[in-house]
Amino acid sequence: MFDVLYRTLRRPPIIVLTGVIAFVLLWRMSGSRESSSASVIALQLAFTPENFQAVLDDWGAAGVAHFQSTIWLDYLYPIAYAAFLAGLVAALRRERPQAPWQAVFLMPMAAAILDYIENTLHLIILTDTAHLSAPLIALASVAAALKWGLIALVFLAILFSLVSRVWRAMRATTTGGGHTSRPQ
């Protein structure tokens, strides 16, 4: 199963398609809260009912309604970004990865699961904004923090892999492609 997923997601058309879908969904979800200063990330990482309520107050009724009406897109978005990021990791590693890179390949999928937990908790919390649940807000924020941590690790791994490739290419160029030539 791992090998099939790995080979499928690393294909360039899949990477491009999932990347485009992820960016379009992100653009669509970012929509009409222009007048507010609080971001969705502020809501995700609220941790307390007071902070959560402050974000809702900043958004106003229209912003909260927009969030609620577009959150269904945030159930599609994790599939797209998880496939895109895992595909990038697989494409950069080429061969079947060893243990540390297998974990990096699976991190976007773990982040997507945490995103689903966070989204579902937000929907539950928003059913009764007059009585915000501290444990649910904290749990949603922990899920979001872990999600963002995993995504950051994946981006760092991708950056590391890119820098390593460039470094190897530069070394191969300066050393003659790794071949030693003997004077004749």
N, C-alpha and C. Protein backbone atom coordinates (compact mmCIF):
# COMPACT_ATOMS: atom_id res chain seq x y z
N MET A 1 0.82 -1.19 0.00
CA MET A 1 0.00 0.00 0.00
C MET A 1 0.86 1.26 0.00
N PHE A 2 1.88 1.28 0.88
CA PHE A 2 2.78 2.44 0.95
C PHE A 2 3.44 2.68 -0.40
N ASP A 3 3.95 1.60 -1.02
CA ASP A 3 4.66 1.74 -2.29
C ASP A 3 3.76 2.28 -3.39
N VAL A 4 2.52 1.81 -3.44
CA VAL A 4 1.57 2.29 -4.46
C VAL A 4 1.30 3.77 -4.26
N LEU A 5 1.03 4.16 -3.03
CA LEU A 5 0.78 5.57 -2.73
C LEU A 5 2.01 6.41 -3.06
N TYR A 6 3.16 5.94 -2.68
CA TYR A 6 4.42 6.65 -2.93
C TYR A 6 4.65 6.86 -4.43
N ARG A 7 4.51 5.78 -5.21
CA ARG A 7 4.73 5.88 -6.66
C ARG A 7 3.68 6.76 -7.33
N THR A 8 2.45 6.71 -6.86
CA THR A 8 1.37 7.50 -7.46
C THR A 8 1.56 8.99 -7.18
N LEU A 9 1.80 9.33 -5.93
CA LEU A 9 1.87 10.74 -5.56
C LEU A 9 3.10 11.46 -6.10
N ARG A 10 4.16 10.73 -6.43
CA ARG A 10 5.37 11.39 -6.91
C ARG A 10 5.34 11.69 -8.41
N ARG A 11 4.29 11.28 -9.09
CA ARG A 11 4.17 11.54 -10.52
C ARG A 11 3.92 13.03 -10.76
N PRO A 12 4.68 13.65 -11.67
CA PRO A 12 4.54 15.10 -11.90
C PRO A 12 3.11 15.57 -12.17
N PRO A 13 2.30 14.86 -12.98
CA PRO A 13 0.93 15.36 -13.19
C PRO A 13 0.10 15.39 -11.90
N ILE A 14 0.34 14.43 -11.02
CA ILE A 14 -0.39 14.37 -9.74
C ILE A 14 0.07 15.52 -8.85
N ILE A 15 1.37 15.78 -8.81
CA ILE A 15 1.90 16.88 -8.00
C ILE A 15 1.31 18.21 -8.48
N VAL A 16 1.33 18.43 -9.79
CA VAL A 16 0.81 19.69 -10.34
C VAL A 16 -0.68 19.81 -10.06
N LEU A 17 -1.44 18.75 -10.32
CA LEU A 17 -2.89 18.78 -10.11
C LEU A 17 -3.25 19.05 -8.66
N THR A 18 -2.62 18.32 -7.73
CA THR A 18 -2.95 18.52 -6.32
C THR A 18 -2.48 19.89 -5.82
N GLY A 19 -1.36 20.36 -6.36
CA GLY A 19 -0.88 21.70 -6.00
C GLY A 19 -1.84 22.78 -6.46
N VAL A 20 -2.33 22.67 -7.68
CA VAL A 20 -3.30 23.65 -8.20
C VAL A 20 -4.58 23.59 -7.39
N ILE A 21 -5.08 22.40 -7.12
CA ILE A 21 -6.31 22.27 -6.33
C ILE A 21 -6.11 22.87 -4.95
N ALA A 22 -4.98 22.59 -4.30
CA ALA A 22 -4.72 23.14 -2.97
C ALA A 22 -4.71 24.66 -2.99
N PHE A 23 -4.04 25.25 -3.97
CA PHE A 23 -3.97 26.71 -4.03
C PHE A 23 -5.32 27.35 -4.36
N VAL A 24 -6.09 26.72 -5.23
CA VAL A 24 -7.42 27.24 -5.55
C VAL A 24 -8.33 27.17 -4.32
N LEU A 25 -8.31 26.05 -3.62
CA LEU A 25 -9.12 25.93 -2.40
C LEU A 25 -8.69 26.93 -1.34
N LEU A 26 -7.39 27.12 -1.17
CA LEU A 26 -6.90 28.09 -0.20
C LEU A 26 -7.36 29.50 -0.58
N TRP A 27 -7.25 29.84 -1.85
CA TRP A 27 -7.70 31.14 -2.34
C TRP A 27 -9.20 31.32 -2.09
N ARG A 28 -9.97 30.29 -2.37
CA ARG A 28 -11.43 30.37 -2.21
C ARG A 28 -11.82 30.50 -0.74
N MET A 29 -11.10 29.79 0.14
CA MET A 29 -11.43 29.85 1.57
C MET A 29 -11.03 31.19 2.18
N SER A 30 -10.04 31.84 1.62
CA SER A 30 -9.56 33.09 2.22
C SER A 30 -10.54 34.24 2.04
N GLY A 31 -11.46 34.14 1.11
CA GLY A 31 -12.58 35.03 0.82
C GLY A 31 -12.82 36.27 1.65
N SER A 32 -14.05 36.54 1.98
CA SER A 32 -14.52 37.87 2.38
C SER A 32 -14.49 38.17 3.87
N ARG A 33 -13.33 38.31 4.42
CA ARG A 33 -13.21 38.85 5.77
C ARG A 33 -12.23 40.01 5.73
N GLU A 34 -12.28 40.78 4.62
CA GLU A 34 -11.29 41.84 4.40
C GLU A 34 -11.23 42.85 5.52
N SER A 35 -12.37 43.14 6.12
CA SER A 35 -12.39 44.21 7.12
C SER A 35 -11.87 43.76 8.48
N SER A 36 -11.71 42.48 8.69
CA SER A 36 -11.25 42.01 10.00
C SER A 36 -9.74 41.85 10.01
N SER A 37 -9.17 41.93 11.17
CA SER A 37 -7.72 41.77 11.28
C SER A 37 -7.34 40.36 11.71
N ALA A 38 -8.23 39.63 12.33
CA ALA A 38 -7.93 38.28 12.83
C ALA A 38 -8.00 37.27 11.67
N SER A 39 -7.01 36.41 11.62
CA SER A 39 -6.97 35.39 10.58
C SER A 39 -7.61 34.09 11.09
N VAL A 40 -7.79 33.18 10.17
CA VAL A 40 -8.27 31.86 10.55
C VAL A 40 -7.26 31.19 11.48
N ILE A 41 -5.99 31.46 11.26
CA ILE A 41 -4.95 30.88 12.12
C ILE A 41 -5.11 31.36 13.56
N ALA A 42 -5.54 32.61 13.73
CA ALA A 42 -5.80 33.12 15.09
C ALA A 42 -6.91 32.31 15.75
N LEU A 43 -7.92 31.93 14.98
CA LEU A 43 -9.00 31.10 15.52
C LEU A 43 -8.47 29.70 15.83
N GLN A 44 -7.69 29.15 14.90
CA GLN A 44 -7.15 27.81 15.08
C GLN A 44 -6.29 27.71 16.34
N LEU A 45 -5.55 28.75 16.62
CA LEU A 45 -4.62 28.73 17.75
C LEU A 45 -5.10 29.59 18.92
N ALA A 46 -6.40 29.67 19.08
CA ALA A 46 -6.98 30.49 20.15
C ALA A 46 -6.68 29.92 21.53
N PHE A 47 -6.79 28.64 21.71
CA PHE A 47 -6.53 27.90 22.95
C PHE A 47 -7.50 28.21 24.10
N THR A 48 -8.07 29.41 24.17
CA THR A 48 -8.98 29.75 25.26
C THR A 48 -10.29 30.29 24.70
N PRO A 49 -11.38 30.15 25.45
CA PRO A 49 -12.65 30.73 24.99
C PRO A 49 -12.56 32.24 24.78
N GLU A 50 -11.78 32.93 25.60
CA GLU A 50 -11.65 34.39 25.46
C GLU A 50 -11.00 34.76 24.12
N ASN A 51 -9.94 34.06 23.78
CA ASN A 51 -9.27 34.33 22.50
C ASN A 51 -10.15 33.93 21.32
N PHE A 52 -10.84 32.81 21.45
CA PHE A 52 -11.74 32.33 20.41
C PHE A 52 -12.84 33.37 20.18
N GLN A 53 -13.44 33.84 21.28
CA GLN A 53 -14.51 34.84 21.18
C GLN A 53 -13.99 36.15 20.59
N ALA A 54 -12.77 36.52 20.93
CA ALA A 54 -12.19 37.75 20.38
C ALA A 54 -12.07 37.67 18.86
N VAL A 55 -11.71 36.51 18.34
CA VAL A 55 -11.63 36.33 16.89
C VAL A 55 -13.03 36.43 16.28
N LEU A 56 -14.00 35.75 16.89
CA LEU A 56 -15.37 35.81 16.39
C LEU A 56 -15.89 37.24 16.41
N ASP A 57 -15.61 37.97 17.49
CA ASP A 57 -16.05 39.37 17.59
C ASP A 57 -15.40 40.20 16.50
N ASP A 58 -14.12 39.97 16.25
CA ASP A 58 -13.41 40.71 15.21
C ASP A 58 -14.00 40.41 13.82
N TRP A 59 -14.35 39.18 13.58
CA TRP A 59 -14.93 38.81 12.30
C TRP A 59 -16.32 39.39 12.11
N GLY A 60 -17.08 39.47 13.20
CA GLY A 60 -18.47 39.89 13.10
C GLY A 60 -19.33 38.77 12.55
N ALA A 61 -20.61 39.01 12.51
CA ALA A 61 -21.56 37.99 12.07
C ALA A 61 -21.30 37.55 10.63
N ALA A 62 -20.97 38.51 9.76
CA ALA A 62 -20.73 38.18 8.35
C ALA A 62 -19.49 37.30 8.20
N GLY A 63 -18.43 37.61 8.95
CA GLY A 63 -17.22 36.81 8.88
C GLY A 63 -17.42 35.40 9.41
N VAL A 64 -18.16 35.28 10.50
CA VAL A 64 -18.45 33.95 11.07
C VAL A 64 -19.31 33.16 10.08
N ALA A 65 -20.30 33.82 9.48
CA ALA A 65 -21.16 33.15 8.50
C ALA A 65 -20.33 32.69 7.29
N HIS A 66 -19.39 33.53 6.86
CA HIS A 66 -18.51 33.15 5.74
C HIS A 66 -17.68 31.92 6.13
N PHE A 67 -17.11 31.93 7.32
CA PHE A 67 -16.32 30.80 7.80
C PHE A 67 -17.16 29.53 7.80
N GLN A 68 -18.36 29.62 8.34
CA GLN A 68 -19.23 28.45 8.42
C GLN A 68 -19.67 27.97 7.04
N SER A 69 -19.86 28.91 6.11
CA SER A 69 -20.32 28.51 4.78
C SER A 69 -19.20 27.96 3.90
N THR A 70 -17.95 28.25 4.24
CA THR A 70 -16.83 27.76 3.42
C THR A 70 -16.02 26.67 4.11
N ILE A 71 -16.38 26.30 5.32
CA ILE A 71 -15.56 25.29 6.01
C ILE A 71 -15.62 23.94 5.30
N TRP A 72 -16.67 23.70 4.52
CA TRP A 72 -16.73 22.45 3.77
C TRP A 72 -15.54 22.34 2.81
N LEU A 73 -15.06 23.49 2.32
CA LEU A 73 -13.87 23.48 1.47
C LEU A 73 -12.65 23.01 2.26
N ASP A 74 -12.67 23.29 3.56
CA ASP A 74 -11.55 22.89 4.42
C ASP A 74 -11.61 21.40 4.75
N TYR A 75 -12.60 20.70 4.25
CA TYR A 75 -12.61 19.24 4.32
C TYR A 75 -12.02 18.65 3.03
N LEU A 76 -11.98 19.44 1.96
CA LEU A 76 -11.33 19.02 0.72
C LEU A 76 -9.85 19.40 0.72
N TYR A 77 -9.57 20.57 1.29
CA TYR A 77 -8.21 21.12 1.29
C TYR A 77 -7.16 20.18 1.87
N PRO A 78 -7.39 19.52 3.00
CA PRO A 78 -6.36 18.62 3.54
C PRO A 78 -5.98 17.48 2.58
N ILE A 79 -6.94 16.98 1.83
CA ILE A 79 -6.62 15.93 0.86
C ILE A 79 -5.66 16.48 -0.18
N ALA A 80 -5.95 17.69 -0.67
CA ALA A 80 -5.12 18.30 -1.71
C ALA A 80 -3.72 18.63 -1.19
N TYR A 81 -3.63 19.30 -0.03
CA TYR A 81 -2.29 19.67 0.43
C TYR A 81 -1.49 18.47 0.89
N ALA A 82 -2.16 17.47 1.46
CA ALA A 82 -1.43 16.27 1.88
C ALA A 82 -0.85 15.53 0.67
N ALA A 83 -1.65 15.38 -0.38
CA ALA A 83 -1.17 14.72 -1.59
C ALA A 83 -0.06 15.53 -2.25
N PHE A 84 -0.22 16.85 -2.29
CA PHE A 84 0.79 17.72 -2.90
C PHE A 84 2.12 17.65 -2.14
N LEU A 85 2.08 17.83 -0.83
CA LEU A 85 3.32 17.82 -0.06
C LEU A 85 3.97 16.43 -0.05
N ALA A 86 3.17 15.39 0.12
CA ALA A 86 3.73 14.03 0.09
C ALA A 86 4.31 13.74 -1.29
N GLY A 87 3.65 14.22 -2.34
CA GLY A 87 4.17 14.04 -3.69
C GLY A 87 5.49 14.75 -3.90
N LEU A 88 5.62 15.96 -3.36
CA LEU A 88 6.90 16.67 -3.46
C LEU A 88 8.01 15.91 -2.75
N VAL A 89 7.70 15.42 -1.55
CA VAL A 89 8.69 14.65 -0.80
C VAL A 89 9.10 13.42 -1.60
N ALA A 90 8.14 12.70 -2.15
CA ALA A 90 8.43 11.49 -2.91
C ALA A 90 9.22 11.80 -4.18
N ALA A 91 8.87 12.88 -4.85
CA ALA A 91 9.57 13.25 -6.08
C ALA A 91 11.02 13.63 -5.80
N LEU A 92 11.24 14.31 -4.70
CA LEU A 92 12.60 14.73 -4.36
C LEU A 92 13.47 13.57 -3.88
N ARG A 93 12.86 12.55 -3.31
CA ARG A 93 13.62 11.41 -2.80
C ARG A 93 13.79 10.33 -3.85
N ARG A 94 12.97 10.31 -4.87
CA ARG A 94 12.99 9.36 -5.97
C ARG A 94 12.80 7.91 -5.54
N GLU A 95 13.84 7.28 -5.02
CA GLU A 95 13.71 5.87 -4.63
C GLU A 95 12.80 5.76 -3.41
N ARG A 96 12.41 4.54 -3.12
CA ARG A 96 11.61 4.31 -1.91
C ARG A 96 12.43 4.78 -0.71
N PRO A 97 11.85 5.65 0.08
CA PRO A 97 12.63 6.26 1.16
C PRO A 97 12.89 5.29 2.31
N GLN A 98 13.96 5.57 3.02
CA GLN A 98 14.26 4.82 4.24
C GLN A 98 13.47 5.43 5.39
N ALA A 99 13.60 4.86 6.56
CA ALA A 99 12.76 5.19 7.72
C ALA A 99 12.52 6.68 7.96
N PRO A 100 13.54 7.54 8.06
CA PRO A 100 13.22 8.94 8.37
C PRO A 100 12.39 9.60 7.27
N TRP A 101 12.69 9.29 6.02
CA TRP A 101 11.95 9.92 4.93
C TRP A 101 10.57 9.30 4.75
N GLN A 102 10.39 8.05 5.17
CA GLN A 102 9.04 7.47 5.17
C GLN A 102 8.15 8.27 6.12
N ALA A 103 8.70 8.63 7.27
CA ALA A 103 7.95 9.44 8.23
C ALA A 103 7.63 10.80 7.65
N VAL A 104 8.58 11.43 6.97
CA VAL A 104 8.34 12.74 6.35
C VAL A 104 7.25 12.61 5.29
N PHE A 105 7.29 11.54 4.50
CA PHE A 105 6.27 11.31 3.47
C PHE A 105 4.88 11.19 4.09
N LEU A 106 4.78 10.59 5.28
CA LEU A 106 3.48 10.38 5.92
C LEU A 106 3.02 11.59 6.75
N MET A 107 3.93 12.53 7.05
CA MET A 107 3.55 13.69 7.88
C MET A 107 2.42 14.53 7.29
N PRO A 108 2.39 14.79 5.97
CA PRO A 108 1.25 15.57 5.46
C PRO A 108 -0.09 14.87 5.68
N MET A 109 -0.09 13.55 5.63
CA MET A 109 -1.33 12.81 5.87
C MET A 109 -1.75 12.90 7.33
N ALA A 110 -0.78 12.85 8.23
CA ALA A 110 -1.08 13.03 9.65
C ALA A 110 -1.60 14.44 9.90
N ALA A 111 -1.00 15.42 9.22
CA ALA A 111 -1.47 16.81 9.34
C ALA A 111 -2.91 16.93 8.85
N ALA A 112 -3.24 16.24 7.78
CA ALA A 112 -4.61 16.28 7.25
C ALA A 112 -5.60 15.70 8.26
N ILE A 113 -5.24 14.61 8.91
CA ILE A 113 -6.12 14.02 9.93
C ILE A 113 -6.33 15.01 11.07
N LEU A 114 -5.26 15.66 11.50
CA LEU A 114 -5.39 16.68 12.55
C LEU A 114 -6.25 17.84 12.08
N ASP A 115 -6.15 18.19 10.81
CA ASP A 115 -6.98 19.25 10.24
C ASP A 115 -8.46 18.87 10.30
N TYR A 116 -8.77 17.62 10.00
CA TYR A 116 -10.16 17.16 10.09
C TYR A 116 -10.68 17.22 11.52
N ILE A 117 -9.84 16.84 12.46
CA ILE A 117 -10.23 16.92 13.88
C ILE A 117 -10.52 18.37 14.25
N GLU A 118 -9.59 19.26 13.89
CA GLU A 118 -9.75 20.69 14.18
C GLU A 118 -11.03 21.25 13.54
N ASN A 119 -11.26 20.95 12.26
CA ASN A 119 -12.45 21.47 11.56
C ASN A 119 -13.74 20.99 12.21
N THR A 120 -13.77 19.72 12.55
CA THR A 120 -14.97 19.16 13.17
C THR A 120 -15.22 19.79 14.53
N LEU A 121 -14.17 19.98 15.29
CA LEU A 121 -14.32 20.63 16.60
C LEU A 121 -14.80 22.08 16.42
N HIS A 122 -14.29 22.78 15.43
CA HIS A 122 -14.76 24.16 15.18
C HIS A 122 -16.25 24.18 14.84
N LEU A 123 -16.68 23.24 14.03
CA LEU A 123 -18.11 23.18 13.71
C LEU A 123 -18.94 22.93 14.96
N ILE A 124 -18.47 22.04 15.81
CA ILE A 124 -19.19 21.75 17.06
C ILE A 124 -19.21 22.98 17.95
N ILE A 125 -18.07 23.62 18.11
CA ILE A 125 -17.96 24.81 18.96
C ILE A 125 -18.88 25.93 18.48
N LEU A 126 -18.94 26.11 17.16
CA LEU A 126 -19.73 27.21 16.60
C LEU A 126 -21.24 26.97 16.64
N THR A 127 -21.67 25.78 17.07
CA THR A 127 -23.12 25.55 17.21
C THR A 127 -23.70 26.28 18.41
N ASP A 128 -22.83 26.65 19.38
CA ASP A 128 -23.31 27.36 20.56
C ASP A 128 -22.25 28.37 21.01
N THR A 129 -22.21 29.51 20.33
CA THR A 129 -21.18 30.51 20.65
C THR A 129 -21.47 31.25 21.96
N ALA A 130 -22.66 31.08 22.48
CA ALA A 130 -22.98 31.71 23.77
C ALA A 130 -22.33 30.95 24.93
N HIS A 131 -22.01 29.68 24.70
CA HIS A 131 -21.39 28.84 25.74
C HIS A 131 -20.19 28.13 25.13
N LEU A 132 -19.11 28.85 24.94
CA LEU A 132 -17.92 28.26 24.33
C LEU A 132 -17.28 27.24 25.26
N SER A 133 -16.95 26.09 24.72
CA SER A 133 -16.37 24.99 25.50
C SER A 133 -14.85 25.12 25.55
N ALA A 134 -14.31 25.38 26.72
CA ALA A 134 -12.86 25.51 26.90
C ALA A 134 -12.11 24.24 26.49
N PRO A 135 -12.58 23.04 26.90
CA PRO A 135 -11.85 21.83 26.50
C PRO A 135 -11.85 21.61 24.98
N LEU A 136 -12.98 21.87 24.32
CA LEU A 136 -13.04 21.67 22.88
C LEU A 136 -12.16 22.68 22.15
N ILE A 137 -12.16 23.93 22.62
CA ILE A 137 -11.31 24.96 22.00
C ILE A 137 -9.84 24.59 22.18
N ALA A 138 -9.48 24.15 23.39
CA ALA A 138 -8.10 23.75 23.64
C ALA A 138 -7.71 22.56 22.76
N LEU A 139 -8.59 21.57 22.65
CA LEU A 139 -8.31 20.39 21.82
C LEU A 139 -8.17 20.78 20.35
N ALA A 140 -9.06 21.64 19.86
CA ALA A 140 -8.96 22.10 18.47
C ALA A 140 -7.65 22.84 18.25
N SER A 141 -7.24 23.65 19.21
CA SER A 141 -5.99 24.40 19.08
C SER A 141 -4.77 23.49 19.14
N VAL A 142 -4.82 22.47 19.98
CA VAL A 142 -3.71 21.51 20.03
C VAL A 142 -3.61 20.78 18.69
N ALA A 143 -4.75 20.36 18.14
CA ALA A 143 -4.75 19.70 16.83
C ALA A 143 -4.16 20.63 15.77
N ALA A 144 -4.56 21.90 15.80
CA ALA A 144 -4.05 22.87 14.83
C ALA A 144 -2.55 23.09 15.01
N ALA A 145 -2.11 23.22 16.25
CA ALA A 145 -0.68 23.44 16.50
C ALA A 145 0.16 22.25 16.02
N LEU A 146 -0.33 21.04 16.28
CA LEU A 146 0.38 19.85 15.81
C LEU A 146 0.38 19.79 14.28
N LYS A 147 -0.76 20.14 13.68
CA LYS A 147 -0.86 20.17 12.21
C LYS A 147 0.17 21.14 11.64
N TRP A 148 0.21 22.36 12.17
CA TRP A 148 1.16 23.36 11.66
C TRP A 148 2.60 22.92 11.91
N GLY A 149 2.86 22.26 13.03
CA GLY A 149 4.20 21.76 13.30
C GLY A 149 4.63 20.71 12.28
N LEU A 150 3.73 19.79 11.97
CA LEU A 150 4.04 18.77 10.96
C LEU A 150 4.26 19.40 9.59
N ILE A 151 3.43 20.35 9.23
CA ILE A 151 3.58 21.01 7.93
C ILE A 151 4.92 21.76 7.88
N ALA A 152 5.29 22.41 8.97
CA ALA A 152 6.58 23.10 9.01
C ALA A 152 7.74 22.11 8.85
N LEU A 153 7.65 20.96 9.51
CA LEU A 153 8.69 19.94 9.36
C LEU A 153 8.79 19.44 7.93
N VAL A 154 7.65 19.28 7.27
CA VAL A 154 7.65 18.82 5.88
C VAL A 154 8.31 19.89 4.99
N PHE A 155 7.96 21.16 5.20
CA PHE A 155 8.58 22.22 4.41
C PHE A 155 10.09 22.26 4.65
N LEU A 156 10.52 22.10 5.88
CA LEU A 156 11.95 22.06 6.18
C LEU A 156 12.63 20.87 5.49
N ALA A 157 11.97 19.73 5.49
CA ALA A 157 12.53 18.54 4.84
C ALA A 157 12.62 18.75 3.33
N ILE A 158 11.60 19.37 2.74
CA ILE A 158 11.64 19.67 1.30
C ILE A 158 12.78 20.64 1.01
N LEU A 159 12.90 21.68 1.82
CA LEU A 159 13.99 22.64 1.64
C LEU A 159 15.35 21.95 1.78
N PHE A 160 15.50 21.11 2.79
CA PHE A 160 16.74 20.35 2.98
C PHE A 160 17.05 19.51 1.76
N SER A 161 16.04 18.83 1.24
CA SER A 161 16.24 17.97 0.08
C SER A 161 16.64 18.78 -1.15
N LEU A 162 16.00 19.94 -1.34
CA LEU A 162 16.36 20.81 -2.47
C LEU A 162 17.79 21.33 -2.34
N VAL A 163 18.15 21.80 -1.16
CA VAL A 163 19.50 22.31 -0.93
C VAL A 163 20.52 21.19 -1.14
N SER A 164 20.22 20.00 -0.66
CA SER A 164 21.12 18.85 -0.85
C SER A 164 21.32 18.55 -2.32
N ARG A 165 20.25 18.61 -3.09
CA ARG A 165 20.35 18.35 -4.54
C ARG A 165 21.23 19.39 -5.22
N VAL A 166 21.00 20.66 -4.88
CA VAL A 166 21.79 21.73 -5.48
C VAL A 166 23.26 21.57 -5.08
N TRP A 167 23.50 21.26 -3.81
CA TRP A 167 24.86 21.08 -3.32
C TRP A 167 25.55 19.94 -4.07
N ARG A 168 24.86 18.81 -4.21
CA ARG A 168 25.45 17.67 -4.93
C ARG A 168 25.72 18.02 -6.39
N ALA A 169 24.81 18.75 -7.01
CA ALA A 169 25.00 19.14 -8.41
C ALA A 169 26.19 20.08 -8.55
N MET A 170 26.34 21.01 -7.62
CA MET A 170 27.47 21.94 -7.66
C MET A 170 28.79 21.20 -7.45
N ARG A 171 28.80 20.26 -6.53
CA ARG A 171 30.01 19.48 -6.26
C ARG A 171 30.38 18.62 -7.47
N ALA A 172 29.37 18.04 -8.10
CA ALA A 172 29.62 17.20 -9.27
C ALA A 172 30.20 18.04 -10.40
N THR A 173 29.74 19.28 -10.53
CA THR A 173 30.24 20.17 -11.58
C THR A 173 31.68 20.58 -11.31
N THR A 174 31.99 20.88 -10.05
CA THR A 174 33.34 21.34 -9.73
C THR A 174 34.34 20.20 -9.66
N THR A 175 33.87 18.98 -9.44
CA THR A 175 34.79 17.84 -9.38
C THR A 175 34.77 17.02 -10.66
N GLY A 176 34.13 17.54 -11.67
CA GLY A 176 34.10 16.82 -12.95
C GLY A 176 33.13 15.68 -12.96
N GLY A 177 32.04 15.82 -12.23
CA GLY A 177 31.00 14.79 -12.25
C GLY A 177 31.32 13.62 -11.37
N GLY A 178 32.28 13.78 -10.51
CA GLY A 178 32.59 12.71 -9.58
C GLY A 178 33.60 11.72 -10.13
N HIS A 179 34.05 11.91 -11.38
CA HIS A 179 35.02 11.01 -11.97
C HIS A 179 36.41 11.61 -11.81
N THR A 180 37.32 10.77 -11.46
CA THR A 180 38.70 11.26 -11.35
C THR A 180 39.39 11.03 -12.67
N SER A 181 40.05 12.04 -13.16
CA SER A 181 40.78 11.87 -14.42
C SER A 181 42.25 11.75 -14.12
N ARG A 182 42.88 10.88 -14.83
CA ARG A 182 44.32 10.66 -14.65
C ARG A 182 45.08 11.41 -15.74
N PRO A 183 46.16 12.05 -15.34
CA PRO A 183 46.97 12.71 -16.37
C PRO A 183 47.60 11.67 -17.28
N GLN A 184 47.68 12.00 -18.55
CA GLN A 184 48.25 11.03 -19.50
C GLN A 184 49.64 11.31 -19.83
